[in-house]
Amino acid sequence: MATKRRRRAFPRRKVCRFCADSALKIDYKDPKLLKYFITERGKIIPRRISGNCARHQREITLAVKRARQIALMPFTTTLPH
């Protein structure tokens, strides 16, 4: 009895939103834009999930870290024990 092998269907590759729209700028003073790139726990979302290119992912990471330093964004969330 032969078993059928299925090929895994890969989802469509995400496009970097900053490459697609040159009007969007990454700025550490804009926490509304940066909040889309961190989880509820405060971790930075990796580029394979967010769909950013390597260059813009580095800029996002730097902007999030700068925003955290001047208290525009939280480092982590406080969880009750």
PDB file of N, CA and C in Angstrom:
ATOM      1  N   MET A   1       0.840  -1.186   0.000  1.00  0.00           N
ATOM      2  CA  MET A   1       0.000   0.000   0.000  1.00  0.00           C
ATOM      3  C   MET A   1       0.885   1.249   0.000  1.00  0.00           C
ATOM      4  N   ALA A   2       0.765   2.005  -1.022  1.00  0.00           N
ATOM      5  CA  ALA A   2       1.601   3.202  -1.153  1.00  0.00           C
ATOM      6  C   ALA A   2       0.971   4.372  -0.400  1.00  0.00           C
ATOM      7  N   THR A   3       1.806   5.083   0.325  1.00  0.00           N
ATOM      8  CA  THR A   3       1.311   6.277   1.030  1.00  0.00           C
ATOM      9  C   THR A   3       1.599   7.501   0.178  1.00  0.00           C
ATOM     10  N   LYS A   4       0.652   8.385   0.170  1.00  0.00           N
ATOM     11  CA  LYS A   4       0.819   9.608  -0.604  1.00  0.00           C
ATOM     12  C   LYS A   4       1.621  10.622   0.207  1.00  0.00           C
ATOM     13  N   ARG A   5       2.532  11.264  -0.468  1.00  0.00           N
ATOM     14  CA  ARG A   5       3.291  12.327   0.187  1.00  0.00           C
ATOM     15  C   ARG A   5       2.721  13.663  -0.256  1.00  0.00           C
ATOM     16  N   ARG A   6       2.449  14.473   0.724  1.00  0.00           N
ATOM     17  CA  ARG A   6       1.920  15.800   0.402  1.00  0.00           C
ATOM     18  C   ARG A   6       3.027  16.831   0.492  1.00  0.00           C
ATOM     19  N   ARG A   7       3.019  17.713  -0.448  1.00  0.00           N
ATOM     20  CA  ARG A   7       3.959  18.820  -0.384  1.00  0.00           C
ATOM     21  C   ARG A   7       3.368  19.898   0.501  1.00  0.00           C
ATOM     22  N   ARG A   8       4.203  20.447   1.320  1.00  0.00           N
ATOM     23  CA  ARG A   8       3.739  21.503   2.198  1.00  0.00           C
ATOM     24  C   ARG A   8       3.543  22.788   1.392  1.00  0.00           C
ATOM     25  N   ALA A   9       2.369  23.351   1.478  1.00  0.00           N
ATOM     26  CA  ALA A   9       2.083  24.592   0.765  1.00  0.00           C
ATOM     27  C   ALA A   9       2.601  25.757   1.615  1.00  0.00           C
ATOM     28  N   PHE A  10       3.555  26.490   1.068  1.00  0.00           N
ATOM     29  CA  PHE A  10       4.117  27.614   1.807  1.00  0.00           C
ATOM     30  C   PHE A  10       3.239  28.836   1.618  1.00  0.00           C
ATOM     31  N   PRO A  11       2.982  29.551   2.711  1.00  0.00           N
ATOM     32  CA  PRO A  11       2.186  30.770   2.569  1.00  0.00           C
ATOM     33  C   PRO A  11       2.956  31.826   1.779  1.00  0.00           C
ATOM     34  N   ARG A  12       2.211  32.751   1.220  1.00  0.00           N
ATOM     35  CA  ARG A  12       2.809  33.793   0.405  1.00  0.00           C
ATOM     36  C   ARG A  12       3.790  34.608   1.234  1.00  0.00           C
ATOM     37  N   ARG A  13       4.937  34.922   0.669  1.00  0.00           N
ATOM     38  CA  ARG A  13       5.981  35.677   1.366  1.00  0.00           C
ATOM     39  C   ARG A  13       5.491  37.077   1.676  1.00  0.00           C
ATOM     40  N   LYS A  14       5.672  37.499   2.925  1.00  0.00           N
ATOM     41  CA  LYS A  14       5.245  38.831   3.314  1.00  0.00           C
ATOM     42  C   LYS A  14       6.187  39.871   2.721  1.00  0.00           C
ATOM     43  N   VAL A  15       5.643  41.025   2.415  1.00  0.00           N
ATOM     44  CA  VAL A  15       6.427  42.099   1.828  1.00  0.00           C
ATOM     45  C   VAL A  15       6.736  43.112   2.922  1.00  0.00           C
ATOM     46  N   CYS A  16       7.952  43.600   2.911  1.00  0.00           N
ATOM     47  CA  CYS A  16       8.349  44.610   3.895  1.00  0.00           C
ATOM     48  C   CYS A  16       7.516  45.865   3.675  1.00  0.00           C
ATOM     49  N   ARG A  17       6.779  46.290   4.696  1.00  0.00           N
ATOM     50  CA  ARG A  17       5.890  47.437   4.529  1.00  0.00           C
ATOM     51  C   ARG A  17       6.660  48.741   4.361  1.00  0.00           C
ATOM     52  N   PHE A  18       7.897  48.790   4.836  1.00  0.00           N
ATOM     53  CA  PHE A  18       8.699  50.007   4.705  1.00  0.00           C
ATOM     54  C   PHE A  18       9.327  50.109   3.322  1.00  0.00           C
ATOM     55  N   CYS A  19       9.613  48.974   2.701  1.00  0.00           N
ATOM     56  CA  CYS A  19      10.116  48.992   1.325  1.00  0.00           C
ATOM     57  C   CYS A  19       8.979  49.304   0.351  1.00  0.00           C
ATOM     58  N   ALA A  20       7.782  48.789   0.658  1.00  0.00           N
ATOM     59  CA  ALA A  20       6.644  48.996  -0.232  1.00  0.00           C
ATOM     60  C   ALA A  20       6.141  50.432  -0.195  1.00  0.00           C
ATOM     61  N   ASP A  21       6.160  51.052   0.999  1.00  0.00           N
ATOM     62  CA  ASP A  21       5.660  52.421   1.147  1.00  0.00           C
ATOM     63  C   ASP A  21       6.785  53.300   1.660  1.00  0.00           C
ATOM     64  N   SER A  22       7.391  54.067   0.766  1.00  0.00           N
ATOM     65  CA  SER A  22       8.533  54.897   1.154  1.00  0.00           C
ATOM     66  C   SER A  22       8.132  56.083   2.032  1.00  0.00           C
ATOM     67  N   ALA A  23       6.832  56.347   2.155  1.00  0.00           N
ATOM     68  CA  ALA A  23       6.383  57.449   3.017  1.00  0.00           C
ATOM     69  C   ALA A  23       6.477  57.065   4.495  1.00  0.00           C
ATOM     70  N   LEU A  24       6.458  55.758   4.805  1.00  0.00           N
ATOM     71  CA  LEU A  24       6.578  55.303   6.192  1.00  0.00           C
ATOM     72  C   LEU A  24       8.020  55.443   6.654  1.00  0.00           C
ATOM     73  N   LYS A  25       8.214  56.071   7.786  1.00  0.00           N
ATOM     74  CA  LYS A  25       9.549  56.230   8.350  1.00  0.00           C
ATOM     75  C   LYS A  25       9.596  55.574   9.716  1.00  0.00           C
ATOM     76  N   ILE A  26      10.708  54.935  10.022  1.00  0.00           N
ATOM     77  CA  ILE A  26      10.913  54.315  11.330  1.00  0.00           C
ATOM     78  C   ILE A  26      11.524  55.370  12.237  1.00  0.00           C
ATOM     79  N   ASP A  27      10.811  55.678  13.319  1.00  0.00           N
ATOM     80  CA  ASP A  27      11.266  56.710  14.240  1.00  0.00           C
ATOM     81  C   ASP A  27      11.030  56.239  15.665  1.00  0.00           C
ATOM     82  N   TYR A  28      12.027  56.363  16.516  1.00  0.00           N
ATOM     83  CA  TYR A  28      11.889  55.904  17.897  1.00  0.00           C
ATOM     84  C   TYR A  28      10.883  56.738  18.683  1.00  0.00           C
ATOM     85  N   LYS A  29      10.542  57.923  18.183  1.00  0.00           N
ATOM     86  CA  LYS A  29       9.584  58.796  18.876  1.00  0.00           C
ATOM     87  C   LYS A  29       8.138  58.488  18.505  1.00  0.00           C
ATOM     88  N   ASP A  30       7.927  57.427  17.727  1.00  0.00           N
ATOM     89  CA  ASP A  30       6.590  57.036  17.281  1.00  0.00           C
ATOM     90  C   ASP A  30       6.217  55.666  17.843  1.00  0.00           C
ATOM     91  N   PRO A  31       5.789  55.601  19.120  1.00  0.00           N
ATOM     92  CA  PRO A  31       5.473  54.294  19.705  1.00  0.00           C
ATOM     93  C   PRO A  31       4.252  53.627  19.087  1.00  0.00           C
ATOM     94  N   LYS A  32       3.371  54.398  18.452  1.00  0.00           N
ATOM     95  CA  LYS A  32       2.194  53.802  17.801  1.00  0.00           C
ATOM     96  C   LYS A  32       2.614  52.877  16.665  1.00  0.00           C
ATOM     97  N   LEU A  33       3.602  53.273  15.899  1.00  0.00           N
ATOM     98  CA  LEU A  33       4.106  52.433  14.814  1.00  0.00           C
ATOM     99  C   LEU A  33       4.897  51.260  15.374  1.00  0.00           C
ATOM    100  N   LEU A  34       5.704  51.496  16.388  1.00  0.00           N
ATOM    101  CA  LEU A  34       6.588  50.459  16.917  1.00  0.00           C
ATOM    102  C   LEU A  34       5.848  49.375  17.685  1.00  0.00           C
ATOM    103  N   LYS A  35       4.668  49.675  18.196  1.00  0.00           N
ATOM    104  CA  LYS A  35       3.939  48.674  18.990  1.00  0.00           C
ATOM    105  C   LYS A  35       3.501  47.479  18.148  1.00  0.00           C
ATOM    106  N   TYR A  36       3.435  47.627  16.828  1.00  0.00           N
ATOM    107  CA  TYR A  36       3.084  46.513  15.959  1.00  0.00           C
ATOM    108  C   TYR A  36       4.218  45.498  15.853  1.00  0.00           C
ATOM    109  N   PHE A  37       5.396  45.879  16.303  1.00  0.00           N
ATOM    110  CA  PHE A  37       6.560  45.017  16.167  1.00  0.00           C
ATOM    111  C   PHE A  37       7.041  44.456  17.497  1.00  0.00           C
ATOM    112  N   ILE A  38       6.235  44.589  18.551  1.00  0.00           N
ATOM    113  CA  ILE A  38       6.553  43.940  19.814  1.00  0.00           C
ATOM    114  C   ILE A  38       5.340  43.142  20.284  1.00  0.00           C
ATOM    115  N   THR A  39       5.595  42.082  21.042  1.00  0.00           N
ATOM    116  CA  THR A  39       4.517  41.237  21.544  1.00  0.00           C
ATOM    117  C   THR A  39       3.914  41.853  22.799  1.00  0.00           C
ATOM    118  N   GLU A  40       2.884  41.206  23.325  1.00  0.00           N
ATOM    119  CA  GLU A  40       2.251  41.680  24.550  1.00  0.00           C
ATOM    120  C   GLU A  40       3.228  41.622  25.715  1.00  0.00           C
ATOM    121  N   ARG A  41       4.164  40.688  25.637  1.00  0.00           N
ATOM    122  CA  ARG A  41       5.158  40.524  26.699  1.00  0.00           C
ATOM    123  C   ARG A  41       6.326  41.495  26.571  1.00  0.00           C
ATOM    124  N   GLY A  42       6.406  42.198  25.453  1.00  0.00           N
ATOM    125  CA  GLY A  42       7.461  43.186  25.270  1.00  0.00           C
ATOM    126  C   GLY A  42       8.623  42.719  24.420  1.00  0.00           C
ATOM    127  N   LYS A  43       8.513  41.538  23.801  1.00  0.00           N
ATOM    128  CA  LYS A  43       9.590  41.037  22.952  1.00  0.00           C
ATOM    129  C   LYS A  43       9.444  41.587  21.536  1.00  0.00           C
ATOM    130  N   ILE A  44      10.571  41.795  20.884  1.00  0.00           N
ATOM    131  CA  ILE A  44      10.560  42.271  19.501  1.00  0.00           C
ATOM    132  C   ILE A  44      10.237  41.090  18.587  1.00  0.00           C
ATOM    133  N   ILE A  45       9.284  41.284  17.688  1.00  0.00           N
ATOM    134  CA  ILE A  45       8.845  40.224  16.778  1.00  0.00           C
ATOM    135  C   ILE A  45       9.920  39.992  15.713  1.00  0.00           C
ATOM    136  N   PRO A  46      10.308  38.728  15.467  1.00  0.00           N
ATOM    137  CA  PRO A  46      11.340  38.449  14.472  1.00  0.00           C
ATOM    138  C   PRO A  46      10.870  38.755  13.052  1.00  0.00           C
ATOM    139  N   ARG A  47      11.816  38.951  12.186  1.00  0.00           N
ATOM    140  CA  ARG A  47      11.487  39.379  10.819  1.00  0.00           C
ATOM    141  C   ARG A  47      10.791  38.312  10.007  1.00  0.00           C
ATOM    142  N   ARG A  48      11.002  37.028  10.320  1.00  0.00           N
ATOM    143  CA  ARG A  48      10.305  35.980   9.566  1.00  0.00           C
ATOM    144  C   ARG A  48       8.817  36.000   9.850  1.00  0.00           C
ATOM    145  N   ILE A  49       8.425  36.580  10.989  1.00  0.00           N
ATOM    146  CA  ILE A  49       7.009  36.698  11.321  1.00  0.00           C
ATOM    147  C   ILE A  49       6.463  38.066  10.889  1.00  0.00           C
ATOM    148  N   SER A  50       7.233  39.113  11.135  1.00  0.00           N
ATOM    149  CA  SER A  50       6.743  40.458  10.800  1.00  0.00           C
ATOM    150  C   SER A  50       6.784  40.729   9.303  1.00  0.00           C
ATOM    151  N   GLY A  51       7.685  40.065   8.581  1.00  0.00           N
ATOM    152  CA  GLY A  51       7.779  40.259   7.138  1.00  0.00           C
ATOM    153  C   GLY A  51       8.701  41.394   6.731  1.00  0.00           C
ATOM    154  N   ASN A  52       9.423  41.979   7.677  1.00  0.00           N
ATOM    155  CA  ASN A  52      10.352  43.059   7.340  1.00  0.00           C
ATOM    156  C   ASN A  52      11.583  42.509   6.649  1.00  0.00           C
ATOM    157  N   CYS A  53      12.228  43.354   5.855  1.00  0.00           N
ATOM    158  CA  CYS A  53      13.511  42.966   5.284  1.00  0.00           C
ATOM    159  C   CYS A  53      14.571  43.139   6.373  1.00  0.00           C
ATOM    160  N   ALA A  54      15.767  42.636   6.147  1.00  0.00           N
ATOM    161  CA  ALA A  54      16.816  42.660   7.169  1.00  0.00           C
ATOM    162  C   ALA A  54      17.183  44.089   7.562  1.00  0.00           C
ATOM    163  N   ARG A  55      17.273  44.954   6.588  1.00  0.00           N
ATOM    164  CA  ARG A  55      17.657  46.343   6.860  1.00  0.00           C
ATOM    165  C   ARG A  55      16.639  47.043   7.752  1.00  0.00           C
ATOM    166  N   HIS A  56      15.368  46.916   7.410  1.00  0.00           N
ATOM    167  CA  HIS A  56      14.337  47.589   8.191  1.00  0.00           C
ATOM    168  C   HIS A  56      14.122  46.918   9.541  1.00  0.00           C
ATOM    169  N   GLN A  57      14.370  45.608   9.631  1.00  0.00           N
ATOM    170  CA  GLN A  57      14.269  44.940  10.927  1.00  0.00           C
ATOM    171  C   GLN A  57      15.342  45.469  11.872  1.00  0.00           C
ATOM    172  N   ARG A  58      16.535  45.718  11.370  1.00  0.00           N
ATOM    173  CA  ARG A  58      17.586  46.305  12.213  1.00  0.00           C
ATOM    174  C   ARG A  58      17.193  47.699  12.674  1.00  0.00           C
ATOM    175  N   GLU A  59      16.582  48.485  11.792  1.00  0.00           N
ATOM    176  CA  GLU A  59      16.143  49.830  12.166  1.00  0.00           C
ATOM    177  C   GLU A  59      15.014  49.774  13.200  1.00  0.00           C
ATOM    178  N   ILE A  60      14.087  48.827  13.039  1.00  0.00           N
ATOM    179  CA  ILE A  60      12.996  48.644  14.009  1.00  0.00           C
ATOM    180  C   ILE A  60      13.565  48.294  15.380  1.00  0.00           C
ATOM    181  N   THR A  61      14.508  47.354  15.408  1.00  0.00           N
ATOM    182  CA  THR A  61      15.113  46.929  16.665  1.00  0.00           C
ATOM    183  C   THR A  61      15.800  48.091  17.368  1.00  0.00           C
ATOM    184  N   LEU A  62      16.544  48.871  16.623  1.00  0.00           N
ATOM    185  CA  LEU A  62      17.236  50.029  17.189  1.00  0.00           C
ATOM    186  C   LEU A  62      16.236  51.058  17.708  1.00  0.00           C
ATOM    187  N   ALA A  63      15.166  51.297  16.956  1.00  0.00           N
ATOM    188  CA  ALA A  63      14.157  52.276  17.368  1.00  0.00           C
ATOM    189  C   ALA A  63      13.427  51.818  18.626  1.00  0.00           C
ATOM    190  N   VAL A  64      13.106  50.522  18.728  1.00  0.00           N
ATOM    191  CA  VAL A  64      12.427  50.007  19.918  1.00  0.00           C
ATOM    192  C   VAL A  64      13.334  50.145  21.137  1.00  0.00           C
ATOM    193  N   LYS A  65      14.605  49.815  20.978  1.00  0.00           N
ATOM    194  CA  LYS A  65      15.547  49.920  22.095  1.00  0.00           C
ATOM    195  C   LYS A  65      15.723  51.366  22.539  1.00  0.00           C
ATOM    196  N   ARG A  66      15.766  52.289  21.600  1.00  0.00           N
ATOM    197  CA  ARG A  66      15.874  53.711  21.955  1.00  0.00           C
ATOM    198  C   ARG A  66      14.614  54.203  22.648  1.00  0.00           C
ATOM    199  N   ALA A  67      13.456  53.778  22.158  1.00  0.00           N
ATOM    200  CA  ALA A  67      12.185  54.182  22.773  1.00  0.00           C
ATOM    201  C   ALA A  67      12.069  53.632  24.191  1.00  0.00           C
ATOM    202  N   ARG A  68      12.606  52.455  24.425  1.00  0.00           N
ATOM    203  CA  ARG A  68      12.595  51.889  25.776  1.00  0.00           C
ATOM    204  C   ARG A  68      13.493  52.690  26.714  1.00  0.00           C
ATOM    205  N   GLN A  69      14.631  53.133  26.204  1.00  0.00           N
ATOM    206  CA  GLN A  69      15.573  53.873  27.044  1.00  0.00           C
ATOM    207  C   GLN A  69      15.001  55.199  27.534  1.00  0.00           C
ATOM    208  N   ILE A  70      14.192  55.853  26.711  1.00  0.00           N
ATOM    209  CA  ILE A  70      13.617  57.132  27.144  1.00  0.00           C
ATOM    210  C   ILE A  70      12.163  56.971  27.591  1.00  0.00           C
ATOM    211  N   ALA A  71      11.792  55.733  27.925  1.00  0.00           N
ATOM    212  CA  ALA A  71      10.510  55.392  28.557  1.00  0.00           C
ATOM    213  C   ALA A  71       9.287  55.713  27.702  1.00  0.00           C
ATOM    214  N   LEU A  72       9.422  55.589  26.389  1.00  0.00           N
ATOM    215  CA  LEU A  72       8.247  55.707  25.518  1.00  0.00           C
ATOM    216  C   LEU A  72       7.567  54.352  25.356  1.00  0.00           C
ATOM    217  N   MET A  73       8.344  53.275  25.559  1.00  0.00           N
ATOM    218  CA  MET A  73       7.824  51.917  25.453  1.00  0.00           C
ATOM    219  C   MET A  73       8.308  51.111  26.652  1.00  0.00           C
ATOM    220  N   PRO A  74       7.506  50.130  27.066  1.00  0.00           N
ATOM    221  CA  PRO A  74       7.936  49.320  28.217  1.00  0.00           C
ATOM    222  C   PRO A  74       8.957  48.249  27.813  1.00  0.00           C
ATOM    223  N   PHE A  75       9.826  47.891  28.765  1.00  0.00           N
ATOM    224  CA  PHE A  75      10.748  46.781  28.541  1.00  0.00           C
ATOM    225  C   PHE A  75       9.984  45.462  28.614  1.00  0.00           C
ATOM    226  N   THR A  76       9.150  45.316  29.656  1.00  0.00           N
ATOM    227  CA  THR A  76       8.327  44.122  29.818  1.00  0.00           C
ATOM    228  C   THR A  76       6.994  44.541  30.404  1.00  0.00           C
ATOM    229  N   THR A  77       6.082  43.577  30.492  1.00  0.00           N
ATOM    230  CA  THR A  77       4.835  43.835  31.180  1.00  0.00           C
ATOM    231  C   THR A  77       4.933  43.269  32.578  1.00  0.00           C
ATOM    232  N   THR A  78       4.236  43.858  33.510  1.00  0.00           N
ATOM    233  CA  THR A  78       4.249  43.324  34.865  1.00  0.00           C
ATOM    234  C   THR A  78       3.090  42.337  34.995  1.00  0.00           C
ATOM    235  N   LEU A  79       3.433  41.128  35.400  1.00  0.00           N
ATOM    236  CA  LEU A  79       2.443  40.081  35.532  1.00  0.00           C
ATOM    237  C   LEU A  79       2.201  39.795  37.011  1.00  0.00           C
ATOM    238  N   PRO A  80       0.946  39.624  37.411  1.00  0.00           N
ATOM    239  CA  PRO A  80       0.693  39.281  38.823  1.00  0.00           C
ATOM    240  C   PRO A  80       1.152  37.858  39.110  1.00  0.00           C
ATOM    241  N   HIS A  81       1.668  37.654  40.290  1.00  0.00           N
ATOM    242  CA  HIS A  81       2.145  36.311  40.666  1.00  0.00           C
ATOM    243  C   HIS A  81       1.038  35.502  41.161  1.00  0.00           C
TER     244      HIS A  81
END
